[in-house]
Amino acid sequence: MAIDAETLVSEIHSLPDEEKLRLLDALLTDLDKPDPEIDRIWANEARKRWAAYQAGRLSTVSYEDLMAKYNR
């Protein structure tokens, strides 16, 4: 039985919040597929940033300064 998205959305609105969260979790789990290419790109980026930090080419910000920026 196929159900169109509009009908599905309407039915979701009538669910209790706990059931909506279970549905959301299931959808996010289904959509979160590992992508080896993205993982490779991020691993390379992390290595570059670590090397730049170790070589003193990367400035850092303390946790306190960072939090102060967002707590203003």
N, C-alpha and C. Protein backbone atom coordinates (compact mmCIF):
# COMPACT_ATOMS: atom_id res chain seq x y z
N MET A 1 0.84 -1.17 0.00
CA MET A 1 0.00 0.00 0.00
C MET A 1 0.89 1.24 0.00
N ALA A 2 0.80 2.04 -1.05
CA ALA A 2 1.56 3.27 -1.13
C ALA A 2 0.78 4.40 -0.46
N ILE A 3 1.49 5.22 0.26
CA ILE A 3 0.87 6.36 0.93
C ILE A 3 1.64 7.61 0.51
N ASP A 4 0.90 8.66 0.13
CA ASP A 4 1.59 9.86 -0.33
C ASP A 4 2.11 10.65 0.86
N ALA A 5 3.08 11.50 0.59
CA ALA A 5 3.75 12.26 1.65
C ALA A 5 2.79 13.17 2.41
N GLU A 6 1.85 13.78 1.71
CA GLU A 6 0.91 14.69 2.36
C GLU A 6 0.06 13.95 3.40
N THR A 7 -0.41 12.76 3.04
CA THR A 7 -1.19 11.95 3.98
C THR A 7 -0.33 11.53 5.16
N LEU A 8 0.88 11.15 4.87
CA LEU A 8 1.80 10.72 5.92
C LEU A 8 2.08 11.86 6.89
N VAL A 9 2.34 13.05 6.37
CA VAL A 9 2.59 14.22 7.22
C VAL A 9 1.38 14.50 8.09
N SER A 10 0.21 14.41 7.52
CA SER A 10 -1.03 14.63 8.28
C SER A 10 -1.14 13.63 9.43
N GLU A 11 -0.84 12.38 9.16
CA GLU A 11 -0.90 11.35 10.20
C GLU A 11 0.17 11.58 11.27
N ILE A 12 1.34 12.04 10.86
CA ILE A 12 2.42 12.30 11.82
C ILE A 12 2.01 13.40 12.79
N HIS A 13 1.33 14.42 12.30
CA HIS A 13 0.88 15.51 13.17
C HIS A 13 -0.02 15.02 14.29
N SER A 14 -0.72 13.94 14.06
CA SER A 14 -1.65 13.44 15.08
C SER A 14 -0.97 12.52 16.10
N LEU A 15 0.29 12.18 15.88
CA LEU A 15 1.00 11.29 16.80
C LEU A 15 1.40 12.02 18.07
N PRO A 16 1.50 11.28 19.18
CA PRO A 16 2.07 11.87 20.40
C PRO A 16 3.55 12.21 20.16
N ASP A 17 4.06 13.17 20.93
CA ASP A 17 5.45 13.61 20.74
C ASP A 17 6.44 12.46 20.82
N GLU A 18 6.23 11.54 21.73
CA GLU A 18 7.17 10.41 21.87
C GLU A 18 7.23 9.58 20.59
N GLU A 19 6.09 9.36 19.96
CA GLU A 19 6.06 8.60 18.71
C GLU A 19 6.71 9.40 17.58
N LYS A 20 6.51 10.72 17.58
CA LYS A 20 7.18 11.56 16.58
C LYS A 20 8.69 11.45 16.71
N LEU A 21 9.18 11.44 17.94
CA LEU A 21 10.62 11.31 18.17
C LEU A 21 11.14 9.96 17.70
N ARG A 22 10.37 8.91 17.95
CA ARG A 22 10.78 7.57 17.47
C ARG A 22 10.85 7.55 15.95
N LEU A 23 9.87 8.18 15.32
CA LEU A 23 9.86 8.25 13.86
C LEU A 23 11.04 9.07 13.34
N LEU A 24 11.29 10.20 13.97
CA LEU A 24 12.42 11.04 13.58
C LEU A 24 13.74 10.29 13.71
N ASP A 25 13.90 9.58 14.81
CA ASP A 25 15.12 8.80 15.01
C ASP A 25 15.28 7.75 13.91
N ALA A 26 14.19 7.10 13.56
CA ALA A 26 14.25 6.09 12.50
C ALA A 26 14.61 6.71 11.16
N LEU A 27 14.04 7.88 10.86
CA LEU A 27 14.35 8.55 9.60
C LEU A 27 15.81 9.00 9.54
N LEU A 28 16.28 9.60 10.63
CA LEU A 28 17.67 10.07 10.65
C LEU A 28 18.64 8.91 10.55
N THR A 29 18.33 7.81 11.22
CA THR A 29 19.18 6.61 11.14
C THR A 29 19.22 6.09 9.72
N ASP A 30 18.07 6.09 9.05
CA ASP A 30 18.00 5.61 7.68
C ASP A 30 18.78 6.51 6.72
N LEU A 31 18.75 7.81 6.97
CA LEU A 31 19.42 8.76 6.08
C LEU A 31 20.91 8.89 6.33
N ASP A 32 21.37 8.52 7.51
CA ASP A 32 22.77 8.70 7.89
C ASP A 32 23.61 7.52 7.44
N LYS A 33 23.85 7.47 6.15
CA LYS A 33 24.66 6.38 5.59
C LYS A 33 26.12 6.82 5.55
N PRO A 34 27.02 5.95 5.97
CA PRO A 34 28.45 6.30 5.90
C PRO A 34 28.86 6.56 4.45
N ASP A 35 29.71 7.54 4.28
CA ASP A 35 30.24 7.86 2.95
C ASP A 35 31.76 7.85 3.05
N PRO A 36 32.40 6.80 2.56
CA PRO A 36 33.86 6.69 2.68
C PRO A 36 34.60 7.88 2.10
N GLU A 37 34.08 8.48 1.04
CA GLU A 37 34.76 9.63 0.43
C GLU A 37 34.74 10.83 1.38
N ILE A 38 33.60 11.09 2.00
CA ILE A 38 33.51 12.18 2.97
C ILE A 38 34.40 11.89 4.17
N ASP A 39 34.39 10.66 4.65
CA ASP A 39 35.26 10.29 5.77
C ASP A 39 36.73 10.52 5.43
N ARG A 40 37.13 10.17 4.20
CA ARG A 40 38.51 10.36 3.76
C ARG A 40 38.87 11.85 3.72
N ILE A 41 37.96 12.66 3.19
CA ILE A 41 38.20 14.10 3.10
C ILE A 41 38.35 14.71 4.48
N TRP A 42 37.46 14.34 5.42
CA TRP A 42 37.55 14.88 6.78
C TRP A 42 38.81 14.41 7.49
N ALA A 43 39.21 13.16 7.27
CA ALA A 43 40.44 12.66 7.90
C ALA A 43 41.65 13.45 7.40
N ASN A 44 41.69 13.72 6.09
CA ASN A 44 42.79 14.53 5.53
C ASN A 44 42.78 15.93 6.12
N GLU A 45 41.60 16.53 6.22
CA GLU A 45 41.49 17.87 6.79
C GLU A 45 41.95 17.90 8.24
N ALA A 46 41.57 16.89 9.00
CA ALA A 46 41.98 16.81 10.41
C ALA A 46 43.50 16.70 10.52
N ARG A 47 44.11 15.89 9.65
CA ARG A 47 45.57 15.76 9.66
C ARG A 47 46.24 17.10 9.33
N LYS A 48 45.71 17.81 8.33
CA LYS A 48 46.27 19.11 7.96
C LYS A 48 46.17 20.11 9.12
N ARG A 49 45.01 20.14 9.76
CA ARG A 49 44.82 21.07 10.87
C ARG A 49 45.72 20.73 12.04
N TRP A 50 45.89 19.46 12.34
CA TRP A 50 46.76 19.03 13.44
C TRP A 50 48.20 19.41 13.13
N ALA A 51 48.63 19.18 11.90
CA ALA A 51 50.00 19.53 11.51
C ALA A 51 50.20 21.05 11.60
N ALA A 52 49.22 21.82 11.16
CA ALA A 52 49.33 23.28 11.23
C ALA A 52 49.39 23.74 12.68
N TYR A 53 48.61 23.12 13.53
CA TYR A 53 48.63 23.47 14.97
C TYR A 53 49.99 23.15 15.57
N GLN A 54 50.50 21.96 15.28
CA GLN A 54 51.79 21.55 15.83
C GLN A 54 52.93 22.45 15.33
N ALA A 55 52.80 22.95 14.10
CA ALA A 55 53.85 23.79 13.53
C ALA A 55 53.68 25.26 13.93
N GLY A 56 52.63 25.56 14.67
CA GLY A 56 52.40 26.94 15.11
C GLY A 56 51.80 27.84 14.05
N ARG A 57 51.25 27.26 12.98
CA ARG A 57 50.66 28.04 11.90
C ARG A 57 49.16 28.24 12.07
N LEU A 58 48.63 27.71 13.15
CA LEU A 58 47.19 27.78 13.38
C LEU A 58 46.94 28.45 14.72
N SER A 59 46.20 29.54 14.68
CA SER A 59 45.90 30.20 15.95
C SER A 59 44.75 29.45 16.63
N THR A 60 44.75 29.52 17.94
CA THR A 60 43.71 28.84 18.70
C THR A 60 42.96 29.84 19.55
N VAL A 61 41.81 29.41 20.03
CA VAL A 61 40.96 30.22 20.89
C VAL A 61 40.66 29.37 22.12
N SER A 62 40.78 29.97 23.28
CA SER A 62 40.49 29.21 24.50
C SER A 62 39.00 28.94 24.59
N TYR A 63 38.66 27.91 25.33
CA TYR A 63 37.26 27.56 25.55
C TYR A 63 36.52 28.73 26.18
N GLU A 64 37.15 29.37 27.14
CA GLU A 64 36.52 30.49 27.83
C GLU A 64 36.20 31.63 26.87
N ASP A 65 37.16 31.96 25.97
CA ASP A 65 36.93 33.02 25.00
C ASP A 65 35.81 32.65 24.02
N LEU A 66 35.82 31.42 23.61
CA LEU A 66 34.78 30.95 22.69
C LEU A 66 33.41 31.03 23.34
N MET A 67 33.29 30.56 24.57
CA MET A 67 32.01 30.59 25.25
C MET A 67 31.57 32.03 25.52
N ALA A 68 32.51 32.91 25.84
CA ALA A 68 32.17 34.31 26.09
C ALA A 68 31.56 34.94 24.84
N LYS A 69 32.06 34.57 23.69
CA LYS A 69 31.54 35.09 22.42
C LYS A 69 30.07 34.74 22.26
N TYR A 70 29.69 33.53 22.64
CA TYR A 70 28.31 33.07 22.42
C TYR A 70 27.40 33.33 23.61
N ASN A 71 27.95 33.75 24.72
CA ASN A 71 27.13 34.05 25.90
C ASN A 71 26.81 35.53 26.02
N ARG A 72 27.24 36.33 25.06
CA ARG A 72 26.98 37.78 25.09
C ARG A 72 25.53 38.06 24.86
